[in-house]
Structure formats: structure tokens, C-alpha cells
Amino acid sequence: MPLGLAAIVWLAVSASTALADPVTVTVQGLSFKPASVTVHAGDKVTFVNKDNMAHTVTAQGIWDEKLPPRQSITVLAAKPGEIDYQCSIHPTMKGRVLVEP
């Protein structure tokens, strides 16, 4: 039995709303902005370095990524919990990702 137009539209809308919006953290002026973000397990977080110097996104045992000047990296928030991270080059730069189920 073929789907009616209303059912097809509902399926398309349901599928598009199920996808998470990308989460972006900007690295600028020796800080992570925003300093704290909330995502769901399995979501990705993109870090965009707008500084003219290198940084890292380092969360002990989870991430240890180099972030060159004017480039970006994407990391996975795999499981629920709090991920505290910092720049290992500039340890005063700190942030947190809260990963919900």
C-alpha cells in the first residue's frame, strides 16, 4: 500500500528533527567559547581555532587532539558523563562537555 503525501511529509520531518544540530566551540583569545556545552552521547563537537597560534583539546584518556591555527577538529562525545578538557599548551584554557544519554 503506497504512503500518502501526508505520511511522506511526516516521515521526512521526523527524520530531519531526529538529527542533532552540530555543536561548535570557538577557540579565540586564549579561551574556549562557550566554555561549556551540552550534547547527547554519539554527538560530535567541532572546535574552530580562530587564534594565530596552536592549541590542543585534551581530556585525559578521552581526547588529545592538536588544533593548528585557523583550522578545526571534530571529536566524538561517545558516552554520557562530564568531559573536562583543556589546552595542554595553555593550561588556563579550560572547558567542559556535558554528555547526556
Protein backbone atom coordinates (compact mmCIF):
# COMPACT_ATOMS: atom_id res chain seq x y z
CA MET A 1 0.00 0.00 0.00
CA PRO A 2 1.64 3.30 -1.06
CA LEU A 3 2.19 6.04 1.52
CA GLY A 4 0.08 9.15 1.20
CA LEU A 5 1.69 12.57 0.82
CA ALA A 6 0.95 13.48 4.46
CA ALA A 7 2.74 10.32 5.68
CA ILE A 8 5.76 11.04 3.49
CA VAL A 9 5.98 14.63 4.76
CA TRP A 10 5.68 13.42 8.37
CA LEU A 11 8.45 10.88 7.84
CA ALA A 12 10.74 13.49 6.28
CA VAL A 13 10.14 15.98 9.10
CA SER A 14 10.60 13.30 11.77
CA ALA A 15 13.87 12.16 10.25
CA SER A 16 15.26 15.69 9.97
CA THR A 17 14.36 16.65 13.53
CA ALA A 18 16.00 13.50 14.89
CA LEU A 19 19.41 14.70 13.70
CA ALA A 20 21.32 16.75 16.27
CA ASP A 21 22.47 20.25 15.42
CA PRO A 22 26.24 20.42 15.15
CA VAL A 23 27.91 21.79 18.27
CA THR A 24 30.77 24.21 17.69
CA VAL A 25 33.23 25.60 20.21
CA THR A 26 35.29 28.58 19.05
CA VAL A 27 38.86 28.93 20.27
CA GLN A 28 39.74 32.61 20.36
CA GLY A 29 41.66 34.94 22.62
CA LEU A 30 43.10 32.02 24.61
CA SER A 31 39.67 30.70 25.60
CA PHE A 32 37.03 28.17 24.59
CA LYS A 33 33.70 29.82 23.71
CA PRO A 34 31.31 28.72 25.03
CA ALA A 35 33.24 27.23 27.92
CA SER A 36 30.53 24.63 28.49
CA VAL A 37 28.29 22.80 26.01
CA THR A 38 25.71 20.03 26.32
CA VAL A 39 25.37 17.23 23.76
CA HIS A 40 23.95 13.73 23.58
CA ALA A 41 26.02 10.54 23.55
CA GLY A 42 27.19 9.91 20.00
CA ASP A 43 27.20 13.61 19.03
CA LYS A 44 30.26 15.33 17.67
CA VAL A 45 31.79 18.61 18.82
CA THR A 46 33.77 20.77 16.41
CA PHE A 47 36.50 23.07 17.73
CA VAL A 48 37.36 26.01 15.46
CA ASN A 49 40.66 27.74 16.19
CA LYS A 50 40.46 31.42 15.27
CA ASP A 51 43.74 32.24 17.01
CA ASN A 52 47.06 32.63 15.21
CA MET A 53 48.65 30.03 17.50
CA ALA A 54 48.24 26.30 18.02
CA HIS A 55 46.17 24.82 20.82
CA THR A 56 45.06 21.35 21.89
CA VAL A 57 41.80 19.82 23.01
CA THR A 58 42.93 17.48 25.76
CA ALA A 59 40.66 15.44 28.03
CA GLN A 60 42.72 12.86 29.89
CA GLY A 61 42.05 9.41 28.48
CA ILE A 62 39.41 10.68 26.03
CA TRP A 63 40.81 13.28 23.61
CA ASP A 64 44.27 14.61 22.90
CA GLU A 65 43.97 16.49 19.63
CA LYS A 66 46.25 19.13 18.16
CA LEU A 67 44.43 22.21 16.88
CA PRO A 68 46.59 24.21 14.46
CA PRO A 69 46.00 27.93 13.90
CA ARG A 70 42.98 28.76 11.71
CA GLN A 71 41.88 25.13 11.48
CA SER A 72 39.23 22.93 13.06
CA ILE A 73 38.91 19.45 14.50
CA THR A 74 35.90 17.33 15.38
CA VAL A 75 35.73 14.96 18.33
CA LEU A 76 33.17 12.38 19.40
CA ALA A 77 31.26 12.58 22.69
CA ALA A 78 30.84 8.82 22.89
CA LYS A 79 29.23 8.14 26.26
CA PRO A 80 27.27 10.03 28.94
CA GLY A 81 29.15 12.00 31.57
CA GLU A 82 31.15 15.19 32.01
CA ILE A 83 34.24 15.72 29.90
CA ASP A 84 36.54 18.37 31.31
CA TYR A 85 39.17 19.42 28.81
CA GLN A 86 41.94 21.98 28.46
CA CYS A 87 44.64 23.17 26.13
CA SER A 88 47.83 21.36 27.15
CA ILE A 89 49.89 24.25 25.71
CA HIS A 90 47.92 26.91 27.63
CA PRO A 91 46.58 25.12 30.76
CA THR A 92 44.45 28.07 31.87
CA MET A 93 42.23 27.40 28.83
CA LYS A 94 39.53 25.04 30.11
CA GLY A 95 36.14 23.82 29.01
CA ARG A 96 33.51 21.17 29.67
CA VAL A 97 31.25 19.00 27.56
CA LEU A 98 28.23 17.57 29.36
CA VAL A 99 27.18 14.41 27.52
CA GLU A 100 23.59 13.34 28.16
CA PRO A 101 22.22 9.87 27.33
